[in-house]
Every structure is written in structure tokens, then in C-alpha cells.
Amino acid sequence: WKLSTEDLWRWYGSVSSWSAPSRKNARSAICS
């Protein structure tokens, strides 16, 4: 409950081994 928007996008954007669809899926999970 203490993570910010910046924490979230930095996290899923920093996983360079993930493909764009994987990052999109991560964003969906986070938003849900």
C-alpha cells in the first residue's frame, strides 16, 4: 500500500528480459 505510480512503472519497465506482451500482462495484473 506504500508503492507509488512511479514505483510501479519503474518495476515493470525495468525487467528487460520480459517481452512487451509480458510487460502488458504485468501492467494488467498491477491495475487489477
PDB file of all heavy atoms in Angstrom:
ATOM      1  N   TRP A   1       0.812  -1.219   0.000  1.00  0.00           N
ATOM      2  CA  TRP A   1       0.000   0.000   0.000  1.00  0.00           C
ATOM      3  C   TRP A   1       0.845   1.269   0.000  1.00  0.00           C
ATOM      4  O   TRP A   1       0.301   2.369  -0.001  1.00  0.00           O
ATOM      5  CB  TRP A   1      -0.948  -0.025   1.194  1.00  0.00           C
ATOM      6  CG  TRP A   1      -1.618  -1.347   1.384  1.00  0.00           C
ATOM      7  CD1 TRP A   1      -1.742  -2.030   2.554  1.00  0.00           C
ATOM      8  CD2 TRP A   1      -2.249  -2.168   0.393  1.00  0.00           C
ATOM      9  NE1 TRP A   1      -2.404  -3.210   2.353  1.00  0.00           N
ATOM     10  CE2 TRP A   1      -2.726  -3.328   1.023  1.00  0.00           C
ATOM     11  CE3 TRP A   1      -2.443  -2.050  -0.981  1.00  0.00           C
ATOM     12  CZ2 TRP A   1      -3.397  -4.336   0.347  1.00  0.00           C
ATOM     13  CZ3 TRP A   1      -3.107  -3.075  -1.660  1.00  0.00           C
ATOM     14  CH2 TRP A   1      -3.573  -4.190  -0.995  1.00  0.00           C
ATOM     15  N   LYS A   2       2.163   1.118   0.004  1.00  0.00           N
ATOM     16  CA  LYS A   2       3.049   2.284   0.028  1.00  0.00           C
ATOM     17  C   LYS A   2       3.751   2.534  -1.312  1.00  0.00           C
ATOM     18  O   LYS A   2       4.531   3.468  -1.427  1.00  0.00           O
ATOM     19  CB  LYS A   2       4.117   2.131   1.118  1.00  0.00           C
ATOM     20  CG  LYS A   2       3.548   2.012   2.515  1.00  0.00           C
ATOM     21  CD  LYS A   2       2.838   3.272   2.935  1.00  0.00           C
ATOM     22  CE  LYS A   2       2.331   3.148   4.359  1.00  0.00           C
ATOM     23  NZ  LYS A   2       1.487   4.254   4.749  1.00  0.00           N
ATOM     24  N   LEU A   3       3.474   1.698  -2.326  1.00  0.00           N
ATOM     25  CA  LEU A   3       4.126   1.899  -3.626  1.00  0.00           C
ATOM     26  C   LEU A   3       3.431   3.012  -4.391  1.00  0.00           C
ATOM     27  O   LEU A   3       2.214   3.167  -4.344  1.00  0.00           O
ATOM     28  CB  LEU A   3       4.117   0.609  -4.444  1.00  0.00           C
ATOM     29  CG  LEU A   3       4.867  -0.576  -3.848  1.00  0.00           C
ATOM     30  CD1 LEU A   3       4.881  -1.741  -4.828  1.00  0.00           C
ATOM     31  CD2 LEU A   3       6.273  -0.208  -3.444  1.00  0.00           C
ATOM     32  N   SER A   4       4.229   3.776  -5.113  1.00  0.00           N
ATOM     33  CA  SER A   4       3.695   4.888  -5.910  1.00  0.00           C
ATOM     34  C   SER A   4       3.545   4.461  -7.369  1.00  0.00           C
ATOM     35  O   SER A   4       4.029   3.399  -7.781  1.00  0.00           O
ATOM     36  CB  SER A   4       4.664   6.072  -5.844  1.00  0.00           C
ATOM     37  OG  SER A   4       5.872   5.744  -6.534  1.00  0.00           O
ATOM     38  N   THR A   5       2.907   5.307  -8.144  1.00  0.00           N
ATOM     39  CA  THR A   5       2.793   5.068  -9.585  1.00  0.00           C
ATOM     40  C   THR A   5       4.181   4.915 -10.186  1.00  0.00           C
ATOM     41  O   THR A   5       4.425   4.011 -10.995  1.00  0.00           O
ATOM     42  CB  THR A   5       2.042   6.236 -10.266  1.00  0.00           C
ATOM     43  OG1 THR A   5       0.739   6.343  -9.677  1.00  0.00           O
ATOM     44  CG2 THR A   5       1.915   6.027 -11.765  1.00  0.00           C
ATOM     45  N   GLU A   6       5.107   5.766  -9.778  1.00  0.00           N
ATOM     46  CA  GLU A   6       6.476   5.686 -10.300  1.00  0.00           C
ATOM     47  C   GLU A   6       7.137   4.362  -9.929  1.00  0.00           C
ATOM     48  O   GLU A   6       7.819   3.757 -10.755  1.00  0.00           O
ATOM     49  CB  GLU A   6       7.311   6.857  -9.787  1.00  0.00           C
ATOM     50  CG  GLU A   6       8.710   6.858 -10.378  1.00  0.00           C
ATOM     51  CD  GLU A   6       9.513   8.083  -9.999  1.00  0.00           C
ATOM     52  OE1 GLU A   6       8.943   9.079  -9.506  1.00  0.00           O
ATOM     53  OE2 GLU A   6      10.738   8.035 -10.200  1.00  0.00           O
ATOM     54  N   ASP A   7       6.927   3.897  -8.709  1.00  0.00           N
ATOM     55  CA  ASP A   7       7.484   2.596  -8.308  1.00  0.00           C
ATOM     56  C   ASP A   7       6.978   1.493  -9.243  1.00  0.00           C
ATOM     57  O   ASP A   7       7.734   0.616  -9.649  1.00  0.00           O
ATOM     58  CB  ASP A   7       7.069   2.225  -6.878  1.00  0.00           C
ATOM     59  CG  ASP A   7       7.673   3.123  -5.822  1.00  0.00           C
ATOM     60  OD1 ASP A   7       8.830   3.562  -5.991  1.00  0.00           O
ATOM     61  OD2 ASP A   7       6.974   3.379  -4.812  1.00  0.00           O
ATOM     62  N   LEU A   8       5.697   1.561  -9.568  1.00  0.00           N
ATOM     63  CA  LEU A   8       5.086   0.513 -10.383  1.00  0.00           C
ATOM     64  C   LEU A   8       5.615   0.521 -11.808  1.00  0.00           C
ATOM     65  O   LEU A   8       6.018  -0.517 -12.325  1.00  0.00           O
ATOM     66  CB  LEU A   8       3.561   0.648 -10.372  1.00  0.00           C
ATOM     67  CG  LEU A   8       2.902   0.501  -9.003  1.00  0.00           C
ATOM     68  CD1 LEU A   8       1.400   0.768  -9.093  1.00  0.00           C
ATOM     69  CD2 LEU A   8       3.179  -0.874  -8.418  1.00  0.00           C
ATOM     70  N   TRP A   9       5.611   1.683 -12.475  1.00  0.00           N
ATOM     71  CA  TRP A   9       6.069   1.678 -13.870  1.00  0.00           C
ATOM     72  C   TRP A   9       7.565   1.431 -13.964  1.00  0.00           C
ATOM     73  O   TRP A   9       8.039   0.807 -14.914  1.00  0.00           O
ATOM     74  CB  TRP A   9       5.627   2.897 -14.663  1.00  0.00           C
ATOM     75  CG  TRP A   9       6.160   4.241 -14.288  1.00  0.00           C
ATOM     76  CD1 TRP A   9       5.486   5.209 -13.612  1.00  0.00           C
ATOM     77  CD2 TRP A   9       7.439   4.802 -14.602  1.00  0.00           C
ATOM     78  NE1 TRP A   9       6.281   6.318 -13.456  1.00  0.00           N
ATOM     79  CE2 TRP A   9       7.485   6.099 -14.065  1.00  0.00           C
ATOM     80  CE3 TRP A   9       8.570   4.337 -15.271  1.00  0.00           C
ATOM     81  CZ2 TRP A   9       8.584   6.926 -14.178  1.00  0.00           C
ATOM     82  CZ3 TRP A   9       9.670   5.167 -15.387  1.00  0.00           C
ATOM     83  CH2 TRP A   9       9.677   6.444 -14.846  1.00  0.00           C
ATOM     84  N   ARG A  10       8.320   1.883 -12.978  1.00  0.00           N
ATOM     85  CA  ARG A  10       9.762   1.579 -12.985  1.00  0.00           C
ATOM     86  C   ARG A  10       9.998   0.076 -12.863  1.00  0.00           C
ATOM     87  O   ARG A  10      10.864  -0.492 -13.504  1.00  0.00           O
ATOM     88  CB  ARG A  10      10.487   2.300 -11.856  1.00  0.00           C
ATOM     89  CG  ARG A  10      10.774   3.736 -12.125  1.00  0.00           C
ATOM     90  CD  ARG A  10      11.659   4.325 -11.023  1.00  0.00           C
ATOM     91  NE  ARG A  10      11.865   5.730 -11.241  1.00  0.00           N
ATOM     92  CZ  ARG A  10      12.751   6.235 -12.097  1.00  0.00           C
ATOM     93  NH1 ARG A  10      13.502   5.439 -12.805  1.00  0.00           N
ATOM     94  NH2 ARG A  10      12.867   7.539 -12.235  1.00  0.00           N
ATOM     95  N   TRP A  11       9.171  -0.572 -12.022  1.00  0.00           N
ATOM     96  CA  TRP A  11       9.355  -2.001 -11.809  1.00  0.00           C
ATOM     97  C   TRP A  11       9.072  -2.793 -13.079  1.00  0.00           C
ATOM     98  O   TRP A  11       9.913  -3.532 -13.552  1.00  0.00           O
ATOM     99  CB  TRP A  11       8.470  -2.493 -10.660  1.00  0.00           C
ATOM    100  CG  TRP A  11       8.603  -3.964 -10.471  1.00  0.00           C
ATOM    101  CD1 TRP A  11       9.623  -4.624  -9.844  1.00  0.00           C
ATOM    102  CD2 TRP A  11       7.720  -4.975 -10.947  1.00  0.00           C
ATOM    103  NE1 TRP A  11       9.425  -5.976  -9.899  1.00  0.00           N
ATOM    104  CE2 TRP A  11       8.260  -6.218 -10.571  1.00  0.00           C
ATOM    105  CE3 TRP A  11       6.522  -4.949 -11.658  1.00  0.00           C
ATOM    106  CZ2 TRP A  11       7.639  -7.423 -10.877  1.00  0.00           C
ATOM    107  CZ3 TRP A  11       5.901  -6.147 -11.955  1.00  0.00           C
ATOM    108  CH2 TRP A  11       6.466  -7.365 -11.557  1.00  0.00           C
ATOM    109  N   TYR A  12       7.879  -2.647 -13.660  1.00  0.00           N
ATOM    110  CA  TYR A  12       7.587  -3.495 -14.818  1.00  0.00           C
ATOM    111  C   TYR A  12       8.309  -3.032 -16.069  1.00  0.00           C
ATOM    112  O   TYR A  12       8.500  -3.810 -17.001  1.00  0.00           O
ATOM    113  CB  TYR A  12       6.090  -3.728 -15.042  1.00  0.00           C
ATOM    114  CG  TYR A  12       5.292  -2.592 -15.639  1.00  0.00           C
ATOM    115  CD1 TYR A  12       5.349  -2.285 -16.985  1.00  0.00           C
ATOM    116  CD2 TYR A  12       4.422  -1.866 -14.845  1.00  0.00           C
ATOM    117  CE1 TYR A  12       4.585  -1.265 -17.518  1.00  0.00           C
ATOM    118  CE2 TYR A  12       3.658  -0.858 -15.370  1.00  0.00           C
ATOM    119  CZ  TYR A  12       3.741  -0.562 -16.711  1.00  0.00           C
ATOM    120  OH  TYR A  12       2.976   0.442 -17.236  1.00  0.00           O
ATOM    121  N   GLY A  13       8.770  -1.813 -16.081  1.00  0.00           N
ATOM    122  CA  GLY A  13       9.565  -1.340 -17.214  1.00  0.00           C
ATOM    123  C   GLY A  13      11.028  -1.748 -17.133  1.00  0.00           C
ATOM    124  O   GLY A  13      11.751  -1.740 -18.126  1.00  0.00           O
ATOM    125  N   SER A  14      11.473  -2.128 -15.939  1.00  0.00           N
ATOM    126  CA  SER A  14      12.894  -2.444 -15.754  1.00  0.00           C
ATOM    127  C   SER A  14      13.234  -3.903 -16.025  1.00  0.00           C
ATOM    128  O   SER A  14      14.396  -4.259 -16.078  1.00  0.00           O
ATOM    129  CB  SER A  14      13.322  -2.096 -14.330  1.00  0.00           C
ATOM    130  OG  SER A  14      12.730  -3.003 -13.424  1.00  0.00           O
ATOM    131  N   VAL A  15      12.243  -4.728 -16.181  1.00  0.00           N
ATOM    132  CA  VAL A  15      12.509  -6.142 -16.416  1.00  0.00           C
ATOM    133  C   VAL A  15      12.770  -6.323 -17.909  1.00  0.00           C
ATOM    134  O   VAL A  15      11.873  -6.621 -18.682  1.00  0.00           O
ATOM    135  CB  VAL A  15      11.342  -7.027 -15.927  1.00  0.00           C
ATOM    136  CG1 VAL A  15      11.727  -8.493 -15.993  1.00  0.00           C
ATOM    137  CG2 VAL A  15      10.946  -6.660 -14.513  1.00  0.00           C
ATOM    138  N   SER A  16      14.046  -6.099 -18.300  1.00  0.00           N
ATOM    139  CA  SER A  16      14.391  -6.069 -19.717  1.00  0.00           C
ATOM    140  C   SER A  16      14.228  -7.413 -20.399  1.00  0.00           C
ATOM    141  O   SER A  16      14.086  -7.475 -21.612  1.00  0.00           O
ATOM    142  CB  SER A  16      15.817  -5.556 -19.900  1.00  0.00           C
ATOM    143  OG  SER A  16      16.720  -6.417 -19.225  1.00  0.00           O
ATOM    144  N   SER A  17      14.221  -8.500 -19.644  1.00  0.00           N
ATOM    145  CA  SER A  17      14.070  -9.818 -20.260  1.00  0.00           C
ATOM    146  C   SER A  17      12.614 -10.106 -20.628  1.00  0.00           C
ATOM    147  O   SER A  17      12.334 -11.060 -21.340  1.00  0.00           O
ATOM    148  CB  SER A  17      14.599 -10.904 -19.329  1.00  0.00           C
ATOM    149  OG  SER A  17      13.839 -10.918 -18.131  1.00  0.00           O
ATOM    150  N   TRP A  18      11.673  -9.281 -20.154  1.00  0.00           N
ATOM    151  CA  TRP A  18      10.266  -9.501 -20.463  1.00  0.00           C
ATOM    152  C   TRP A  18       9.931  -8.887 -21.810  1.00  0.00           C
ATOM    153  O   TRP A  18      10.355  -7.775 -22.135  1.00  0.00           O
ATOM    154  CB  TRP A  18       9.372  -8.880 -19.404  1.00  0.00           C
ATOM    155  CG  TRP A  18       9.373  -9.599 -18.087  1.00  0.00           C
ATOM    156  CD1 TRP A  18      10.177 -10.626 -17.699  1.00  0.00           C
ATOM    157  CD2 TRP A  18       8.523  -9.336 -16.980  1.00  0.00           C
ATOM    158  NE1 TRP A  18       9.885 -11.013 -16.422  1.00  0.00           N
ATOM    159  CE2 TRP A  18       8.870 -10.238 -15.954  1.00  0.00           C
ATOM    160  CE3 TRP A  18       7.510  -8.427 -16.753  1.00  0.00           C
ATOM    161  CZ2 TRP A  18       8.228 -10.260 -14.728  1.00  0.00           C
ATOM    162  CZ3 TRP A  18       6.873  -8.441 -15.532  1.00  0.00           C
ATOM    163  CH2 TRP A  18       7.221  -9.347 -14.529  1.00  0.00           C
ATOM    164  N   SER A  19       9.142  -9.581 -22.586  1.00  0.00           N
ATOM    165  CA  SER A  19       8.671  -9.062 -23.864  1.00  0.00           C
ATOM    166  C   SER A  19       7.606  -7.993 -23.604  1.00  0.00           C
ATOM    167  O   SER A  19       7.078  -7.881 -22.488  1.00  0.00           O
ATOM    168  CB  SER A  19       8.062 -10.196 -24.689  1.00  0.00           C
ATOM    169  OG  SER A  19       6.904 -10.693 -24.037  1.00  0.00           O
ATOM    170  N   ALA A  20       7.272  -7.241 -24.632  1.00  0.00           N
ATOM    171  CA  ALA A  20       6.223  -6.224 -24.483  1.00  0.00           C
ATOM    172  C   ALA A  20       4.897  -6.861 -24.055  1.00  0.00           C
ATOM    173  O   ALA A  20       4.231  -6.325 -23.164  1.00  0.00           O
ATOM    174  CB  ALA A  20       6.065  -5.429 -25.781  1.00  0.00           C
ATOM    175  N   PRO A  21       4.478  -8.000 -24.631  1.00  0.00           N
ATOM    176  CA  PRO A  21       3.239  -8.610 -24.134  1.00  0.00           C
ATOM    177  C   PRO A  21       3.324  -9.013 -22.653  1.00  0.00           C
ATOM    178  O   PRO A  21       2.331  -8.911 -21.932  1.00  0.00           O
ATOM    179  CB  PRO A  21       3.054  -9.840 -25.033  1.00  0.00           C
ATOM    180  CG  PRO A  21       3.757  -9.489 -26.305  1.00  0.00           C
ATOM    181  CD  PRO A  21       4.941  -8.665 -25.863  1.00  0.00           C
ATOM    182  N   SER A  22       4.502  -9.440 -22.201  1.00  0.00           N
ATOM    183  CA  SER A  22       4.661  -9.796 -20.778  1.00  0.00           C
ATOM    184  C   SER A  22       4.550  -8.562 -19.898  1.00  0.00           C
ATOM    185  O   SER A  22       3.935  -8.601 -18.828  1.00  0.00           O
ATOM    186  CB  SER A  22       6.001 -10.489 -20.539  1.00  0.00           C
ATOM    187  OG  SER A  22       6.020 -11.735 -21.182  1.00  0.00           O
ATOM    188  N   ARG A  23       5.145  -7.444 -20.329  1.00  0.00           N
ATOM    189  CA  ARG A  23       5.023  -6.202 -19.565  1.00  0.00           C
ATOM    190  C   ARG A  23       3.573  -5.713 -19.546  1.00  0.00           C
ATOM    191  O   ARG A  23       3.084  -5.216 -18.547  1.00  0.00           O
ATOM    192  CB  ARG A  23       5.963  -5.137 -20.112  1.00  0.00           C
ATOM    193  CG  ARG A  23       7.420  -5.393 -19.735  1.00  0.00           C
ATOM    194  CD  ARG A  23       8.332  -4.215 -20.028  1.00  0.00           C
ATOM    195  NE  ARG A  23       8.242  -3.713 -21.387  1.00  0.00           N
ATOM    196  CZ  ARG A  23       8.886  -4.226 -22.438  1.00  0.00           C
ATOM    197  NH1 ARG A  23       9.675  -5.263 -22.281  1.00  0.00           N
ATOM    198  NH2 ARG A  23       8.746  -3.695 -23.631  1.00  0.00           N
ATOM    199  N   LYS A  24       2.885  -5.895 -20.677  1.00  0.00           N
ATOM    200  CA  LYS A  24       1.469  -5.506 -20.737  1.00  0.00           C
ATOM    201  C   LYS A  24       0.654  -6.360 -19.762  1.00  0.00           C
ATOM    202  O   LYS A  24      -0.225  -5.856 -19.067  1.00  0.00           O
ATOM    203  CB  LYS A  24       0.938  -5.672 -22.161  1.00  0.00           C
ATOM    204  CG  LYS A  24      -0.494  -5.244 -22.316  1.00  0.00           C
ATOM    205  CD  LYS A  24      -0.937  -5.309 -23.751  1.00  0.00           C
ATOM    206  CE  LYS A  24      -2.376  -4.814 -23.832  1.00  0.00           C
ATOM    207  NZ  LYS A  24      -2.711  -4.291 -25.108  1.00  0.00           N
ATOM    208  N   ASN A  25       0.948  -7.644 -19.707  1.00  0.00           N
ATOM    209  CA  ASN A  25       0.278  -8.542 -18.774  1.00  0.00           C
ATOM    210  C   ASN A  25       0.572  -8.136 -17.328  1.00  0.00           C
ATOM    211  O   ASN A  25      -0.318  -8.158 -16.477  1.00  0.00           O
ATOM    212  CB  ASN A  25       0.719  -9.988 -19.050  1.00  0.00           C
ATOM    213  CG  ASN A  25      -0.188 -10.998 -18.411  1.00  0.00           C
ATOM    214  OD1 ASN A  25      -1.396 -10.828 -18.335  1.00  0.00           O
ATOM    215  ND2 ASN A  25       0.402 -12.091 -17.952  1.00  0.00           N
ATOM    216  N   ALA A  26       1.829  -7.751 -17.059  1.00  0.00           N
ATOM    217  CA  ALA A  26       2.197  -7.293 -15.719  1.00  0.00           C
ATOM    218  C   ALA A  26       1.410  -6.043 -15.350  1.00  0.00           C
ATOM    219  O   ALA A  26       0.909  -5.918 -14.224  1.00  0.00           O
ATOM    220  CB  ALA A  26       3.700  -7.024 -15.637  1.00  0.00           C
ATOM    221  N   ARG A  27       1.275  -5.116 -16.299  1.00  0.00           N
ATOM    222  CA  ARG A  27       0.503  -3.906 -16.051  1.00  0.00           C
ATOM    223  C   ARG A  27      -0.950  -4.262 -15.737  1.00  0.00           C
ATOM    224  O   ARG A  27      -1.558  -3.703 -14.829  1.00  0.00           O
ATOM    225  CB  ARG A  27       0.564  -2.961 -17.239  1.00  0.00           C
ATOM    226  CG  ARG A  27      -0.206  -1.672 -17.005  1.00  0.00           C
ATOM    227  CD  ARG A  27      -0.295  -0.836 -18.290  1.00  0.00           C
ATOM    228  NE  ARG A  27      -1.098   0.335 -18.064  1.00  0.00           N
ATOM    229  CZ  ARG A  27      -2.438   0.356 -18.126  1.00  0.00           C
ATOM    230  NH1 ARG A  27      -3.118  -0.741 -18.396  1.00  0.00           N
ATOM    231  NH2 ARG A  27      -3.101   1.477 -17.908  1.00  0.00           N
ATOM    232  N   SER A  28      -1.514  -5.214 -16.481  1.00  0.00           N
ATOM    233  CA  SER A  28      -2.899  -5.635 -16.232  1.00  0.00           C
ATOM    234  C   SER A  28      -3.056  -6.213 -14.831  1.00  0.00           C
ATOM    235  O   SER A  28      -4.040  -5.924 -14.140  1.00  0.00           O
ATOM    236  CB  SER A  28      -3.330  -6.668 -17.274  1.00  0.00           C
ATOM    237  OG  SER A  28      -3.362  -6.094 -18.557  1.00  0.00           O
ATOM    238  N   ALA A  29      -2.094  -7.029 -14.417  1.00  0.00           N
ATOM    239  CA  ALA A  29      -2.143  -7.616 -13.071  1.00  0.00           C
ATOM    240  C   ALA A  29      -2.078  -6.523 -12.016  1.00  0.00           C
ATOM    241  O   ALA A  29      -2.852  -6.530 -11.040  1.00  0.00           O
ATOM    242  CB  ALA A  29      -0.987  -8.603 -12.893  1.00  0.00           C
ATOM    243  N   ILE A  30      -1.166  -5.581 -12.194  1.00  0.00           N
ATOM    244  CA  ILE A  30      -0.996  -4.486 -11.239  1.00  0.00           C
ATOM    245  C   ILE A  30      -2.264  -3.638 -11.159  1.00  0.00           C
ATOM    246  O   ILE A  30      -2.734  -3.294 -10.074  1.00  0.00           O
ATOM    247  CB  ILE A  30       0.232  -3.635 -11.621  1.00  0.00           C
ATOM    248  CG1 ILE A  30       1.518  -4.434 -11.369  1.00  0.00           C
ATOM    249  CG2 ILE A  30       0.248  -2.313 -10.876  1.00  0.00           C
ATOM    250  CD1 ILE A  30       2.752  -3.818 -12.009  1.00  0.00           C
ATOM    251  N   CYS A  31      -2.832  -3.308 -12.319  1.00  0.00           N
ATOM    252  CA  CYS A  31      -4.053  -2.483 -12.338  1.00  0.00           C
ATOM    253  C   CYS A  31      -5.222  -3.220 -11.688  1.00  0.00           C
ATOM    254  O   CYS A  31      -6.017  -2.614 -10.974  1.00  0.00           O
ATOM    255  CB  CYS A  31      -4.397  -2.079 -13.768  1.00  0.00           C
ATOM    256  SG  CYS A  31      -3.268  -0.856 -14.464  1.00  0.00           S
ATOM    257  N   SER A  32      -5.313  -4.523 -11.924  1.00  0.00           N
ATOM    258  CA  SER A  32      -6.375  -5.303 -11.290  1.00  0.00           C
ATOM    259  C   SER A  32      -6.213  -5.290  -9.771  1.00  0.00           C
ATOM    260  O   SER A  32      -7.170  -5.035  -9.029  1.00  0.00           O
ATOM    261  CB  SER A  32      -6.338  -6.747 -11.812  1.00  0.00           C
ATOM    262  OG  SER A  32      -7.219  -7.565 -11.084  1.00  0.00           O
TER     263      SER A  32
END
